[in-house]
Amino acid sequence: MKWYWRLGFILTSPLAFLFIKVKNRHYLKNGKAIIVCNHTSNFDPILISLATLKELYFLAKRELFGVNKFFTWLIKTFNAIPLNREGIDLTTLKEVAKIFNENQKLVIFPEGTRSKNGKLGSFKDGASFLALRFQVPIIPCVIKGVRESFIPLIVDQDLRNYGSGKRRLPKIEITFLKPIRIKNFDKWDKKLIKYLTKKIEERFKKNG
């Protein structure tokens, strides 16, 4: 783990203790995997990092890397990888291959954008494609309670309009679900990618 990740965990550990409840962290065993999360907030990468207590890598839409120089430096420093939302290009594939060769974990938000109203959006096929391409397991991760938390007071102020006005959960709840093992799939085609995406989405609907 890079030193600035360790420093980040030290500085933010009180935040995790006070505001985050994590379930089933035991599914995050050592080894390469894709963590697939519902997208509730711009704060999600920090929440997932605090929940796993591991250095992670993230696929982020390419547009984020043009916001300003400081923000570009920040997200690159904390392992964000540019993604063309029209499709995964060769450069991204090479970066992902390097991550998995080092037995690291990659985080993907398959909805592609935040859900302001709390409803689960339709999933894109990127996570399924990469899981099958590199034969790595998928770990679904469900985030609840962000709209009722402190986060809309700091970032994502637009989420306030969708909050209930009272907290339903004492803490933001982050639940890791049983991994989907890709080794059970012995072929790779578009039909299988679609099937796997549907399987992932069903896990979220069942546990959301």
N, C-alpha and C. Protein backbone atom coordinates (compact mmCIF):
# COMPACT_ATOMS: atom_id res chain seq x y z
N MET A 1 0.84 -1.20 0.00
CA MET A 1 0.00 0.00 0.00
C MET A 1 0.88 1.25 0.00
N LYS A 2 0.58 2.20 -0.88
CA LYS A 2 1.36 3.42 -0.97
C LYS A 2 1.20 4.25 0.32
N TRP A 3 2.24 5.01 0.66
CA TRP A 3 2.26 5.71 1.94
C TRP A 3 1.12 6.71 2.07
N TYR A 4 0.73 7.37 0.96
CA TYR A 4 -0.32 8.37 1.07
C TYR A 4 -1.69 7.72 1.24
N TRP A 5 -1.85 6.46 0.82
CA TRP A 5 -3.07 5.73 1.15
C TRP A 5 -3.11 5.43 2.65
N ARG A 6 -1.98 5.02 3.21
CA ARG A 6 -1.93 4.77 4.65
C ARG A 6 -2.25 6.04 5.43
N LEU A 7 -1.66 7.16 5.00
CA LEU A 7 -1.92 8.44 5.67
C LEU A 7 -3.38 8.81 5.55
N GLY A 8 -3.97 8.58 4.38
CA GLY A 8 -5.39 8.88 4.20
C GLY A 8 -6.27 8.08 5.15
N PHE A 9 -5.95 6.79 5.32
CA PHE A 9 -6.73 5.96 6.24
C PHE A 9 -6.58 6.45 7.68
N ILE A 10 -5.37 6.86 8.05
CA ILE A 10 -5.15 7.35 9.42
C ILE A 10 -5.97 8.62 9.68
N LEU A 11 -5.98 9.52 8.70
CA LEU A 11 -6.67 10.80 8.88
C LEU A 11 -8.19 10.65 8.86
N THR A 12 -8.68 9.66 8.13
CA THR A 12 -10.13 9.54 7.97
C THR A 12 -10.75 8.41 8.79
N SER A 13 -9.94 7.69 9.55
CA SER A 13 -10.48 6.59 10.34
C SER A 13 -11.57 7.03 11.32
N PRO A 14 -11.47 8.23 11.95
CA PRO A 14 -12.59 8.66 12.82
C PRO A 14 -13.89 8.79 12.04
N LEU A 15 -13.79 9.23 10.79
CA LEU A 15 -14.97 9.35 9.94
C LEU A 15 -15.62 7.98 9.74
N ALA A 16 -14.78 6.98 9.45
CA ALA A 16 -15.29 5.63 9.22
C ALA A 16 -15.94 5.07 10.48
N PHE A 17 -15.31 5.30 11.60
CA PHE A 17 -15.83 4.77 12.87
C PHE A 17 -17.18 5.38 13.22
N LEU A 18 -17.34 6.67 12.99
CA LEU A 18 -18.55 7.37 13.40
C LEU A 18 -19.71 7.22 12.42
N PHE A 19 -19.40 7.13 11.12
CA PHE A 19 -20.46 7.28 10.13
C PHE A 19 -20.66 6.09 9.19
N ILE A 20 -19.84 5.06 9.28
CA ILE A 20 -19.95 3.96 8.34
C ILE A 20 -20.09 2.63 9.07
N LYS A 21 -21.06 1.85 8.63
CA LYS A 21 -21.24 0.49 9.13
C LYS A 21 -20.98 -0.47 7.97
N VAL A 22 -20.05 -1.39 8.17
CA VAL A 22 -19.65 -2.31 7.10
C VAL A 22 -20.09 -3.73 7.43
N LYS A 23 -20.69 -4.39 6.45
CA LYS A 23 -21.11 -5.78 6.61
C LYS A 23 -20.37 -6.67 5.61
N ASN A 24 -20.02 -7.85 6.06
CA ASN A 24 -19.43 -8.89 5.20
C ASN A 24 -18.08 -8.51 4.59
N ARG A 25 -17.26 -7.83 5.38
CA ARG A 25 -15.93 -7.50 4.88
C ARG A 25 -15.10 -8.76 4.61
N HIS A 26 -15.51 -9.89 5.18
CA HIS A 26 -14.75 -11.13 4.99
C HIS A 26 -14.76 -11.60 3.53
N TYR A 27 -15.69 -11.07 2.73
CA TYR A 27 -15.67 -11.42 1.31
C TYR A 27 -14.50 -10.79 0.57
N LEU A 28 -13.86 -9.81 1.20
CA LEU A 28 -12.75 -9.10 0.56
C LEU A 28 -11.42 -9.78 0.91
N LYS A 29 -11.27 -10.99 0.50
CA LYS A 29 -10.01 -11.69 0.75
C LYS A 29 -8.94 -11.16 -0.18
N ASN A 30 -7.70 -11.46 0.15
CA ASN A 30 -6.60 -11.00 -0.71
C ASN A 30 -6.75 -11.59 -2.10
N GLY A 31 -6.36 -10.83 -3.07
CA GLY A 31 -6.44 -11.30 -4.45
C GLY A 31 -7.20 -10.33 -5.33
N LYS A 32 -7.03 -10.49 -6.61
CA LYS A 32 -7.66 -9.59 -7.58
C LYS A 32 -9.16 -9.83 -7.63
N ALA A 33 -9.91 -8.74 -7.87
CA ALA A 33 -11.36 -8.81 -7.97
C ALA A 33 -11.87 -7.48 -8.51
N ILE A 34 -13.12 -7.51 -8.97
CA ILE A 34 -13.82 -6.28 -9.35
C ILE A 34 -14.92 -6.05 -8.32
N ILE A 35 -14.86 -4.90 -7.65
CA ILE A 35 -15.91 -4.51 -6.72
C ILE A 35 -16.90 -3.65 -7.49
N VAL A 36 -18.14 -4.09 -7.54
CA VAL A 36 -19.18 -3.39 -8.30
C VAL A 36 -20.14 -2.73 -7.31
N CYS A 37 -20.30 -1.41 -7.41
CA CYS A 37 -21.09 -0.66 -6.43
C CYS A 37 -22.20 0.14 -7.10
N ASN A 38 -23.31 0.30 -6.38
CA ASN A 38 -24.30 1.29 -6.80
C ASN A 38 -23.71 2.68 -6.55
N HIS A 39 -24.12 3.64 -7.39
CA HIS A 39 -23.47 4.97 -7.34
C HIS A 39 -24.42 5.97 -6.69
N THR A 40 -24.13 6.31 -5.45
CA THR A 40 -25.01 7.17 -4.67
C THR A 40 -24.51 8.60 -4.52
N SER A 41 -23.19 8.81 -4.67
CA SER A 41 -22.61 10.10 -4.33
C SER A 41 -21.23 10.23 -4.97
N ASN A 42 -20.78 11.48 -5.13
CA ASN A 42 -19.40 11.71 -5.56
C ASN A 42 -18.41 11.28 -4.49
N PHE A 43 -18.91 11.04 -3.29
CA PHE A 43 -18.09 10.60 -2.16
C PHE A 43 -17.88 9.08 -2.15
N ASP A 44 -18.54 8.38 -3.06
CA ASP A 44 -18.51 6.91 -3.04
C ASP A 44 -17.11 6.30 -3.05
N PRO A 45 -16.17 6.79 -3.87
CA PRO A 45 -14.83 6.18 -3.83
C PRO A 45 -14.18 6.23 -2.45
N ILE A 46 -14.41 7.32 -1.72
CA ILE A 46 -13.86 7.42 -0.36
C ILE A 46 -14.57 6.44 0.56
N LEU A 47 -15.88 6.34 0.43
CA LEU A 47 -16.64 5.41 1.27
C LEU A 47 -16.19 3.98 1.05
N ILE A 48 -16.02 3.59 -0.20
CA ILE A 48 -15.60 2.21 -0.50
C ILE A 48 -14.20 1.95 0.02
N SER A 49 -13.32 2.92 -0.12
CA SER A 49 -11.96 2.76 0.38
C SER A 49 -11.96 2.57 1.89
N LEU A 50 -12.76 3.38 2.60
CA LEU A 50 -12.84 3.26 4.06
C LEU A 50 -13.47 1.93 4.47
N ALA A 51 -14.41 1.45 3.67
CA ALA A 51 -15.08 0.18 4.00
C ALA A 51 -14.16 -1.02 3.80
N THR A 52 -13.29 -0.95 2.79
CA THR A 52 -12.41 -2.08 2.51
C THR A 52 -11.11 -2.02 3.30
N LEU A 53 -10.67 -0.79 3.63
CA LEU A 53 -9.36 -0.58 4.27
C LEU A 53 -8.23 -1.12 3.39
N LYS A 54 -8.44 -0.99 2.08
CA LYS A 54 -7.43 -1.44 1.12
C LYS A 54 -7.19 -0.36 0.09
N GLU A 55 -6.00 -0.36 -0.48
CA GLU A 55 -5.75 0.50 -1.63
C GLU A 55 -6.51 -0.06 -2.82
N LEU A 56 -7.29 0.79 -3.47
CA LEU A 56 -8.13 0.36 -4.57
C LEU A 56 -7.83 1.16 -5.83
N TYR A 57 -8.34 0.66 -6.93
CA TYR A 57 -8.26 1.35 -8.22
C TYR A 57 -9.69 1.58 -8.72
N PHE A 58 -9.89 2.67 -9.47
CA PHE A 58 -11.23 3.06 -9.87
C PHE A 58 -11.26 3.40 -11.36
N LEU A 59 -12.31 2.95 -12.03
CA LEU A 59 -12.57 3.44 -13.38
C LEU A 59 -13.44 4.68 -13.25
N ALA A 60 -13.00 5.78 -13.86
CA ALA A 60 -13.74 7.05 -13.76
C ALA A 60 -13.91 7.64 -15.16
N LYS A 61 -15.05 8.24 -15.40
CA LYS A 61 -15.32 8.79 -16.73
C LYS A 61 -14.23 9.81 -17.10
N ARG A 62 -13.86 9.77 -18.36
CA ARG A 62 -12.74 10.58 -18.85
C ARG A 62 -12.95 12.08 -18.60
N GLU A 63 -14.21 12.52 -18.60
CA GLU A 63 -14.49 13.94 -18.42
C GLU A 63 -13.99 14.48 -17.08
N LEU A 64 -13.92 13.63 -16.06
CA LEU A 64 -13.46 14.08 -14.75
C LEU A 64 -12.00 14.53 -14.77
N PHE A 65 -11.24 14.02 -15.72
CA PHE A 65 -9.81 14.34 -15.78
C PHE A 65 -9.56 15.70 -16.45
N GLY A 66 -10.63 16.38 -16.83
CA GLY A 66 -10.48 17.70 -17.42
C GLY A 66 -11.11 18.81 -16.60
N VAL A 67 -11.50 18.49 -15.35
CA VAL A 67 -12.15 19.50 -14.50
C VAL A 67 -11.19 20.63 -14.19
N ASN A 68 -10.05 20.32 -13.60
CA ASN A 68 -8.97 21.27 -13.38
C ASN A 68 -7.70 20.48 -13.03
N LYS A 69 -6.57 21.14 -13.02
CA LYS A 69 -5.29 20.46 -12.83
C LYS A 69 -5.19 19.80 -11.46
N PHE A 70 -5.66 20.49 -10.42
CA PHE A 70 -5.56 19.92 -9.07
C PHE A 70 -6.41 18.66 -8.95
N PHE A 71 -7.65 18.73 -9.45
CA PHE A 71 -8.54 17.57 -9.33
C PHE A 71 -8.00 16.40 -10.15
N THR A 72 -7.45 16.69 -11.31
CA THR A 72 -6.85 15.64 -12.13
C THR A 72 -5.70 14.98 -11.38
N TRP A 73 -4.84 15.79 -10.77
CA TRP A 73 -3.72 15.24 -9.99
C TRP A 73 -4.24 14.39 -8.84
N LEU A 74 -5.29 14.88 -8.17
CA LEU A 74 -5.81 14.19 -7.00
C LEU A 74 -6.36 12.80 -7.36
N ILE A 75 -7.20 12.73 -8.37
CA ILE A 75 -7.82 11.45 -8.68
C ILE A 75 -6.82 10.48 -9.30
N LYS A 76 -5.83 11.00 -10.03
CA LYS A 76 -4.78 10.12 -10.55
C LYS A 76 -3.92 9.58 -9.41
N THR A 77 -3.63 10.44 -8.44
CA THR A 77 -2.83 10.02 -7.29
C THR A 77 -3.50 8.89 -6.53
N PHE A 78 -4.84 8.96 -6.45
CA PHE A 78 -5.58 7.92 -5.74
C PHE A 78 -6.22 6.92 -6.72
N ASN A 79 -5.45 6.63 -7.77
CA ASN A 79 -5.66 5.45 -8.61
C ASN A 79 -6.91 5.47 -9.48
N ALA A 80 -7.33 6.64 -9.93
CA ALA A 80 -8.42 6.70 -10.90
C ALA A 80 -7.86 6.49 -12.31
N ILE A 81 -8.59 5.73 -13.10
CA ILE A 81 -8.18 5.40 -14.46
C ILE A 81 -9.23 5.95 -15.42
N PRO A 82 -8.83 6.72 -16.43
CA PRO A 82 -9.82 7.29 -17.37
C PRO A 82 -10.56 6.21 -18.14
N LEU A 83 -11.86 6.41 -18.27
CA LEU A 83 -12.70 5.47 -19.01
C LEU A 83 -13.54 6.22 -20.03
N ASN A 84 -13.46 5.78 -21.27
CA ASN A 84 -14.33 6.31 -22.31
C ASN A 84 -15.68 5.62 -22.18
N ARG A 85 -16.72 6.38 -21.89
CA ARG A 85 -18.03 5.77 -21.63
C ARG A 85 -18.66 5.17 -22.88
N GLU A 86 -18.05 5.44 -24.03
CA GLU A 86 -18.53 4.81 -25.26
C GLU A 86 -18.02 3.38 -25.39
N GLY A 87 -17.01 3.03 -24.61
CA GLY A 87 -16.46 1.68 -24.68
C GLY A 87 -15.07 1.63 -24.06
N ILE A 88 -14.62 0.44 -23.71
CA ILE A 88 -13.31 0.26 -23.09
C ILE A 88 -12.25 0.13 -24.17
N ASP A 89 -11.31 1.06 -24.19
CA ASP A 89 -10.30 1.06 -25.25
C ASP A 89 -9.06 0.28 -24.81
N LEU A 90 -8.09 0.18 -25.72
CA LEU A 90 -6.90 -0.62 -25.48
C LEU A 90 -6.07 -0.07 -24.33
N THR A 91 -5.99 1.25 -24.22
CA THR A 91 -5.23 1.86 -23.13
C THR A 91 -5.80 1.47 -21.76
N THR A 92 -7.12 1.52 -21.64
CA THR A 92 -7.77 1.12 -20.39
C THR A 92 -7.54 -0.35 -20.10
N LEU A 93 -7.62 -1.19 -21.13
CA LEU A 93 -7.39 -2.62 -20.96
C LEU A 93 -5.99 -2.91 -20.42
N LYS A 94 -5.01 -2.18 -20.93
CA LYS A 94 -3.64 -2.38 -20.47
C LYS A 94 -3.50 -1.97 -19.00
N GLU A 95 -4.15 -0.87 -18.61
CA GLU A 95 -4.10 -0.44 -17.21
C GLU A 95 -4.77 -1.46 -16.29
N VAL A 96 -5.90 -1.98 -16.73
CA VAL A 96 -6.63 -2.97 -15.94
C VAL A 96 -5.82 -4.26 -15.82
N ALA A 97 -5.18 -4.66 -16.91
CA ALA A 97 -4.35 -5.87 -16.88
C ALA A 97 -3.22 -5.72 -15.86
N LYS A 98 -2.63 -4.55 -15.80
CA LYS A 98 -1.56 -4.29 -14.84
C LYS A 98 -2.07 -4.40 -13.40
N ILE A 99 -3.27 -3.88 -13.16
CA ILE A 99 -3.88 -3.94 -11.82
C ILE A 99 -4.07 -5.39 -11.38
N PHE A 100 -4.63 -6.18 -12.27
CA PHE A 100 -4.90 -7.58 -11.91
C PHE A 100 -3.62 -8.41 -11.84
N ASN A 101 -2.62 -8.06 -12.62
CA ASN A 101 -1.33 -8.76 -12.52
C ASN A 101 -0.68 -8.54 -11.16
N GLU A 102 -1.03 -7.43 -10.53
CA GLU A 102 -0.51 -7.12 -9.20
C GLU A 102 -1.47 -7.56 -8.09
N ASN A 103 -2.49 -8.34 -8.46
CA ASN A 103 -3.48 -8.87 -7.51
C ASN A 103 -4.21 -7.79 -6.73
N GLN A 104 -4.52 -6.69 -7.42
CA GLN A 104 -5.24 -5.59 -6.80
C GLN A 104 -6.72 -5.64 -7.15
N LYS A 105 -7.51 -4.77 -6.51
CA LYS A 105 -8.95 -4.72 -6.73
C LYS A 105 -9.35 -3.45 -7.48
N LEU A 106 -10.27 -3.63 -8.41
CA LEU A 106 -10.77 -2.53 -9.24
C LEU A 106 -12.22 -2.26 -8.88
N VAL A 107 -12.57 -0.98 -8.70
CA VAL A 107 -13.94 -0.58 -8.38
C VAL A 107 -14.61 -0.01 -9.62
N ILE A 108 -15.82 -0.48 -9.89
CA ILE A 108 -16.60 0.00 -11.03
C ILE A 108 -18.01 0.34 -10.55
N PHE A 109 -18.53 1.48 -11.03
CA PHE A 109 -19.92 1.87 -10.77
C PHE A 109 -20.71 1.62 -12.06
N PRO A 110 -21.37 0.49 -12.17
CA PRO A 110 -21.95 0.08 -13.45
C PRO A 110 -23.11 0.93 -13.95
N GLU A 111 -23.72 1.73 -13.06
CA GLU A 111 -24.78 2.62 -13.51
C GLU A 111 -24.21 3.76 -14.37
N GLY A 112 -22.94 4.07 -14.16
CA GLY A 112 -22.28 5.09 -14.97
C GLY A 112 -22.50 6.51 -14.50
N THR A 113 -23.44 6.73 -13.60
CA THR A 113 -23.71 8.06 -13.08
C THR A 113 -24.41 7.92 -11.73
N ARG A 114 -24.42 9.00 -10.96
CA ARG A 114 -25.07 8.96 -9.65
C ARG A 114 -26.59 8.81 -9.79
N SER A 115 -27.18 8.15 -8.80
CA SER A 115 -28.63 8.08 -8.71
C SER A 115 -29.09 9.13 -7.71
N LYS A 116 -29.72 10.17 -8.18
CA LYS A 116 -30.15 11.25 -7.29
C LYS A 116 -31.38 10.88 -6.47
N ASN A 117 -32.24 10.03 -7.03
CA ASN A 117 -33.48 9.69 -6.33
C ASN A 117 -33.38 8.39 -5.53
N GLY A 118 -32.19 7.77 -5.52
CA GLY A 118 -31.99 6.57 -4.74
C GLY A 118 -32.38 5.29 -5.44
N LYS A 119 -32.97 5.39 -6.62
CA LYS A 119 -33.36 4.20 -7.37
C LYS A 119 -32.19 3.68 -8.18
N LEU A 120 -32.12 2.37 -8.32
CA LEU A 120 -31.04 1.74 -9.04
C LEU A 120 -31.23 1.94 -10.54
N GLY A 121 -30.18 2.46 -11.20
CA GLY A 121 -30.24 2.63 -12.64
C GLY A 121 -29.87 1.35 -13.37
N SER A 122 -30.03 1.35 -14.68
CA SER A 122 -29.67 0.17 -15.46
C SER A 122 -28.14 0.03 -15.51
N PHE A 123 -27.68 -1.20 -15.52
CA PHE A 123 -26.25 -1.48 -15.47
C PHE A 123 -25.66 -1.58 -16.88
N LYS A 124 -24.46 -1.04 -17.03
CA LYS A 124 -23.71 -1.20 -18.27
C LYS A 124 -22.88 -2.47 -18.17
N ASP A 125 -22.31 -2.90 -19.30
CA ASP A 125 -21.66 -4.20 -19.39
C ASP A 125 -20.16 -4.20 -19.08
N GLY A 126 -19.60 -3.04 -18.73
CA GLY A 126 -18.15 -2.96 -18.55
C GLY A 126 -17.59 -3.92 -17.52
N ALA A 127 -18.23 -4.02 -16.37
CA ALA A 127 -17.74 -4.90 -15.31
C ALA A 127 -17.77 -6.36 -15.76
N SER A 128 -18.85 -6.76 -16.41
CA SER A 128 -18.96 -8.14 -16.89
C SER A 128 -17.91 -8.44 -17.93
N PHE A 129 -17.72 -7.50 -18.85
CA PHE A 129 -16.71 -7.68 -19.89
C PHE A 129 -15.32 -7.88 -19.30
N LEU A 130 -14.95 -7.03 -18.34
CA LEU A 130 -13.61 -7.12 -17.74
C LEU A 130 -13.46 -8.37 -16.88
N ALA A 131 -14.52 -8.73 -16.15
CA ALA A 131 -14.46 -9.93 -15.31
C ALA A 131 -14.23 -11.18 -16.16
N LEU A 132 -14.92 -11.27 -17.28
CA LEU A 132 -14.77 -12.42 -18.16
C LEU A 132 -13.45 -12.37 -18.92
N ARG A 133 -13.07 -11.18 -19.31
CA ARG A 133 -11.81 -11.02 -20.06
C ARG A 133 -10.61 -11.43 -19.23
N PHE A 134 -10.61 -11.06 -17.93
CA PHE A 134 -9.46 -11.33 -17.07
C PHE A 134 -9.71 -12.44 -16.05
N GLN A 135 -10.89 -13.05 -16.11
CA GLN A 135 -11.22 -14.18 -15.23
C GLN A 135 -11.02 -13.82 -13.75
N VAL A 136 -11.67 -12.75 -13.32
CA VAL A 136 -11.60 -12.32 -11.93
C VAL A 136 -13.01 -12.31 -11.34
N PRO A 137 -13.16 -12.58 -10.05
CA PRO A 137 -14.50 -12.57 -9.43
C PRO A 137 -15.06 -11.16 -9.31
N ILE A 138 -16.37 -11.09 -9.22
CA ILE A 138 -17.08 -9.83 -9.02
C ILE A 138 -17.66 -9.83 -7.60
N ILE A 139 -17.38 -8.76 -6.86
CA ILE A 139 -17.91 -8.61 -5.50
C ILE A 139 -18.91 -7.46 -5.51
N PRO A 140 -20.22 -7.76 -5.49
CA PRO A 140 -21.20 -6.67 -5.41
C PRO A 140 -21.12 -5.95 -4.07
N CYS A 141 -21.34 -4.65 -4.11
CA CYS A 141 -21.26 -3.83 -2.90
C CYS A 141 -22.43 -2.85 -2.89
N VAL A 142 -23.29 -2.95 -1.88
CA VAL A 142 -24.49 -2.12 -1.80
C VAL A 142 -24.28 -1.01 -0.77
N ILE A 143 -24.49 0.23 -1.21
CA ILE A 143 -24.36 1.40 -0.33
C ILE A 143 -25.75 1.95 -0.04
N LYS A 144 -26.05 2.16 1.25
CA LYS A 144 -27.35 2.70 1.66
C LYS A 144 -27.14 3.85 2.66
N GLY A 145 -28.07 4.79 2.63
CA GLY A 145 -28.12 5.81 3.66
C GLY A 145 -27.36 7.09 3.37
N VAL A 146 -26.83 7.24 2.16
CA VAL A 146 -26.03 8.44 1.86
C VAL A 146 -26.88 9.70 1.88
N ARG A 147 -28.07 9.64 1.30
CA ARG A 147 -28.92 10.84 1.22
C ARG A 147 -29.34 11.35 2.60
N GLU A 148 -29.43 10.43 3.56
CA GLU A 148 -29.83 10.81 4.92
C GLU A 148 -28.63 11.09 5.82
N SER A 149 -27.43 11.05 5.25
CA SER A 149 -26.21 11.19 6.04
C SER A 149 -25.71 12.64 6.02
N PHE A 150 -24.49 12.82 6.50
CA PHE A 150 -23.85 14.14 6.51
C PHE A 150 -23.36 14.55 5.13
N ILE A 151 -23.26 13.62 4.20
CA ILE A 151 -22.59 13.89 2.92
C ILE A 151 -23.24 15.02 2.12
N PRO A 152 -24.58 15.06 1.98
CA PRO A 152 -25.17 16.18 1.23
C PRO A 152 -24.90 17.55 1.84
N LEU A 153 -24.42 17.60 3.08
CA LEU A 153 -24.05 18.88 3.69
C LEU A 153 -22.69 19.35 3.22
N ILE A 154 -21.90 18.43 2.65
CA ILE A 154 -20.53 18.74 2.24
C ILE A 154 -20.38 18.71 0.72
N VAL A 155 -20.79 17.60 0.13
CA VAL A 155 -20.79 17.46 -1.34
C VAL A 155 -22.16 16.96 -1.77
N ASP A 156 -22.42 16.97 -3.06
CA ASP A 156 -23.70 16.48 -3.58
C ASP A 156 -24.88 17.20 -2.93
N GLN A 157 -24.80 18.53 -2.87
CA GLN A 157 -25.89 19.28 -2.25
C GLN A 157 -27.22 19.05 -2.97
N ASP A 158 -27.15 18.66 -4.24
CA ASP A 158 -28.39 18.41 -4.99
C ASP A 158 -29.16 17.21 -4.44
N LEU A 159 -28.50 16.36 -3.65
CA LEU A 159 -29.19 15.21 -3.08
C LEU A 159 -30.13 15.60 -1.95
N ARG A 160 -29.96 16.80 -1.42
CA ARG A 160 -30.83 17.22 -0.30
C ARG A 160 -32.30 17.20 -0.70
N ASN A 161 -32.56 17.56 -1.95
CA ASN A 161 -33.95 17.63 -2.42
C ASN A 161 -34.63 16.27 -2.45
N TYR A 162 -33.80 15.20 -2.40
CA TYR A 162 -34.35 13.85 -2.48
C TYR A 162 -34.34 13.14 -1.14
N GLY A 163 -33.82 13.78 -0.12
CA GLY A 163 -33.76 13.15 1.20
C GLY A 163 -35.13 13.10 1.86
N SER A 164 -35.27 12.28 2.85
CA SER A 164 -36.56 12.11 3.52
C SER A 164 -36.78 13.15 4.62
N GLY A 165 -35.74 13.91 4.93
CA GLY A 165 -35.86 14.89 5.99
C GLY A 165 -35.45 14.35 7.34
N LYS A 166 -35.34 13.05 7.46
CA LYS A 166 -34.89 12.42 8.70
C LYS A 166 -34.01 11.22 8.34
N ARG A 167 -33.17 10.84 9.26
CA ARG A 167 -32.26 9.72 9.01
C ARG A 167 -32.99 8.39 9.19
N ARG A 168 -32.92 7.56 8.16
CA ARG A 168 -33.48 6.22 8.29
C ARG A 168 -32.47 5.26 8.89
N LEU A 169 -31.18 5.57 8.67
CA LEU A 169 -30.11 4.72 9.17
C LEU A 169 -29.20 5.54 10.06
N PRO A 170 -28.75 4.99 11.18
CA PRO A 170 -27.83 5.73 12.04
C PRO A 170 -26.49 5.96 11.38
N LYS A 171 -26.12 5.08 10.44
CA LYS A 171 -24.86 5.21 9.73
C LYS A 171 -25.06 4.86 8.27
N ILE A 172 -24.12 5.28 7.44
CA ILE A 172 -24.10 4.80 6.06
C ILE A 172 -23.76 3.31 6.10
N GLU A 173 -24.57 2.53 5.45
CA GLU A 173 -24.39 1.07 5.50
C GLU A 173 -23.79 0.57 4.19
N ILE A 174 -22.66 -0.10 4.30
CA ILE A 174 -21.99 -0.65 3.12
C ILE A 174 -21.90 -2.16 3.29
N THR A 175 -22.56 -2.88 2.38
CA THR A 175 -22.66 -4.33 2.50
C THR A 175 -22.02 -5.00 1.29
N PHE A 176 -21.05 -5.86 1.55
CA PHE A 176 -20.45 -6.66 0.48
C PHE A 176 -21.21 -7.98 0.36
N LEU A 177 -21.54 -8.35 -0.86
CA LEU A 177 -22.29 -9.57 -1.11
C LEU A 177 -21.35 -10.69 -1.57
N LYS A 178 -21.86 -11.89 -1.53
CA LYS A 178 -21.07 -13.06 -1.91
C LYS A 178 -20.53 -12.90 -3.33
N PRO A 179 -19.24 -13.13 -3.52
CA PRO A 179 -18.64 -12.95 -4.85
C PRO A 179 -19.26 -13.86 -5.91
N ILE A 180 -19.31 -13.34 -7.12
CA ILE A 180 -19.72 -14.13 -8.28
C ILE A 180 -18.46 -14.68 -8.92
N ARG A 181 -18.32 -15.98 -8.95
CA ARG A 181 -17.10 -16.63 -9.44
C ARG A 181 -17.16 -16.80 -10.95
N ILE A 182 -16.22 -16.21 -11.64
CA ILE A 182 -16.22 -16.22 -13.10
C ILE A 182 -15.72 -17.56 -13.64
N LYS A 183 -15.00 -18.32 -12.85
CA LYS A 183 -14.44 -19.58 -13.33
C LYS A 183 -15.54 -20.57 -13.73
N ASN A 184 -16.76 -20.28 -13.29
CA ASN A 184 -17.88 -21.15 -13.65
C ASN A 184 -18.32 -20.94 -15.10
N PHE A 185 -17.83 -19.87 -15.71
CA PHE A 185 -18.18 -19.58 -17.09
C PHE A 185 -17.00 -19.95 -17.99
N ASP A 186 -17.19 -20.88 -18.91
CA ASP A 186 -16.08 -21.39 -19.71
C ASP A 186 -16.07 -20.86 -21.13
N LYS A 187 -16.91 -19.86 -21.41
CA LYS A 187 -16.88 -19.25 -22.74
C LYS A 187 -17.07 -17.74 -22.58
N TRP A 188 -16.86 -17.02 -23.65
CA TRP A 188 -16.88 -15.56 -23.57
C TRP A 188 -17.47 -15.00 -24.86
N ASP A 189 -18.66 -14.43 -24.77
CA ASP A 189 -19.29 -13.79 -25.92
C ASP A 189 -20.26 -12.73 -25.42
N LYS A 190 -20.85 -12.00 -26.35
CA LYS A 190 -21.73 -10.90 -25.98
C LYS A 190 -22.95 -11.39 -25.19
N LYS A 191 -23.45 -12.53 -25.56
CA LYS A 191 -24.61 -13.07 -24.88
C LYS A 191 -24.29 -13.37 -23.42
N LEU A 192 -23.12 -13.93 -23.17
CA LEU A 192 -22.71 -14.24 -21.80
C LEU A 192 -22.46 -12.96 -21.00
N ILE A 193 -21.88 -11.95 -21.64
CA ILE A 193 -21.66 -10.67 -20.97
C ILE A 193 -22.98 -10.07 -20.50
N LYS A 194 -23.99 -10.09 -21.38
CA LYS A 194 -25.31 -9.58 -21.02
C LYS A 194 -25.93 -10.39 -19.88
N TYR A 195 -25.76 -11.69 -19.94
CA TYR A 195 -26.29 -12.56 -18.89
C TYR A 195 -25.66 -12.24 -17.53
N LEU A 196 -24.34 -12.05 -17.53
CA LEU A 196 -23.64 -11.76 -16.29
C LEU A 196 -24.04 -10.40 -15.73
N THR A 197 -24.20 -9.41 -16.61
CA THR A 197 -24.66 -8.09 -16.16
C THR A 197 -26.03 -8.18 -15.51
N LYS A 198 -26.93 -8.96 -16.11
CA LYS A 198 -28.26 -9.16 -15.53
C LYS A 198 -28.18 -9.84 -14.18
N LYS A 199 -27.28 -10.81 -14.06
CA LYS A 199 -27.08 -11.53 -12.80
C LYS A 199 -26.60 -10.58 -11.70
N ILE A 200 -25.66 -9.71 -12.03
CA ILE A 200 -25.16 -8.73 -11.07
C ILE A 200 -26.28 -7.78 -10.64
N GLU A 201 -27.03 -7.29 -11.63
CA GLU A 201 -28.11 -6.34 -11.35
C GLU A 201 -29.17 -6.98 -10.45
N GLU A 202 -29.46 -8.25 -10.67
CA GLU A 202 -30.44 -8.95 -9.84
C GLU A 202 -29.97 -9.06 -8.39
N ARG A 203 -28.68 -9.23 -8.19
CA ARG A 203 -28.13 -9.26 -6.82
C ARG A 203 -28.43 -7.95 -6.09
N PHE A 204 -28.25 -6.84 -6.81
CA PHE A 204 -28.48 -5.53 -6.19
C PHE A 204 -29.96 -5.33 -5.89
N LYS A 205 -30.83 -5.71 -6.81
CA LYS A 205 -32.27 -5.53 -6.60
C LYS A 205 -32.76 -6.38 -5.44
N LYS A 206 -32.17 -7.53 -5.26
CA LYS A 206 -32.56 -8.42 -4.19
C LYS A 206 -32.07 -7.91 -2.83
N ASN A 207 -30.94 -7.22 -2.82
CA ASN A 207 -30.34 -6.77 -1.55
C ASN A 207 -30.38 -5.26 -1.38
N GLY A 208 -30.98 -4.56 -2.32
CA GLY A 208 -30.98 -3.11 -2.27
C GLY A 208 -31.97 -2.52 -1.29
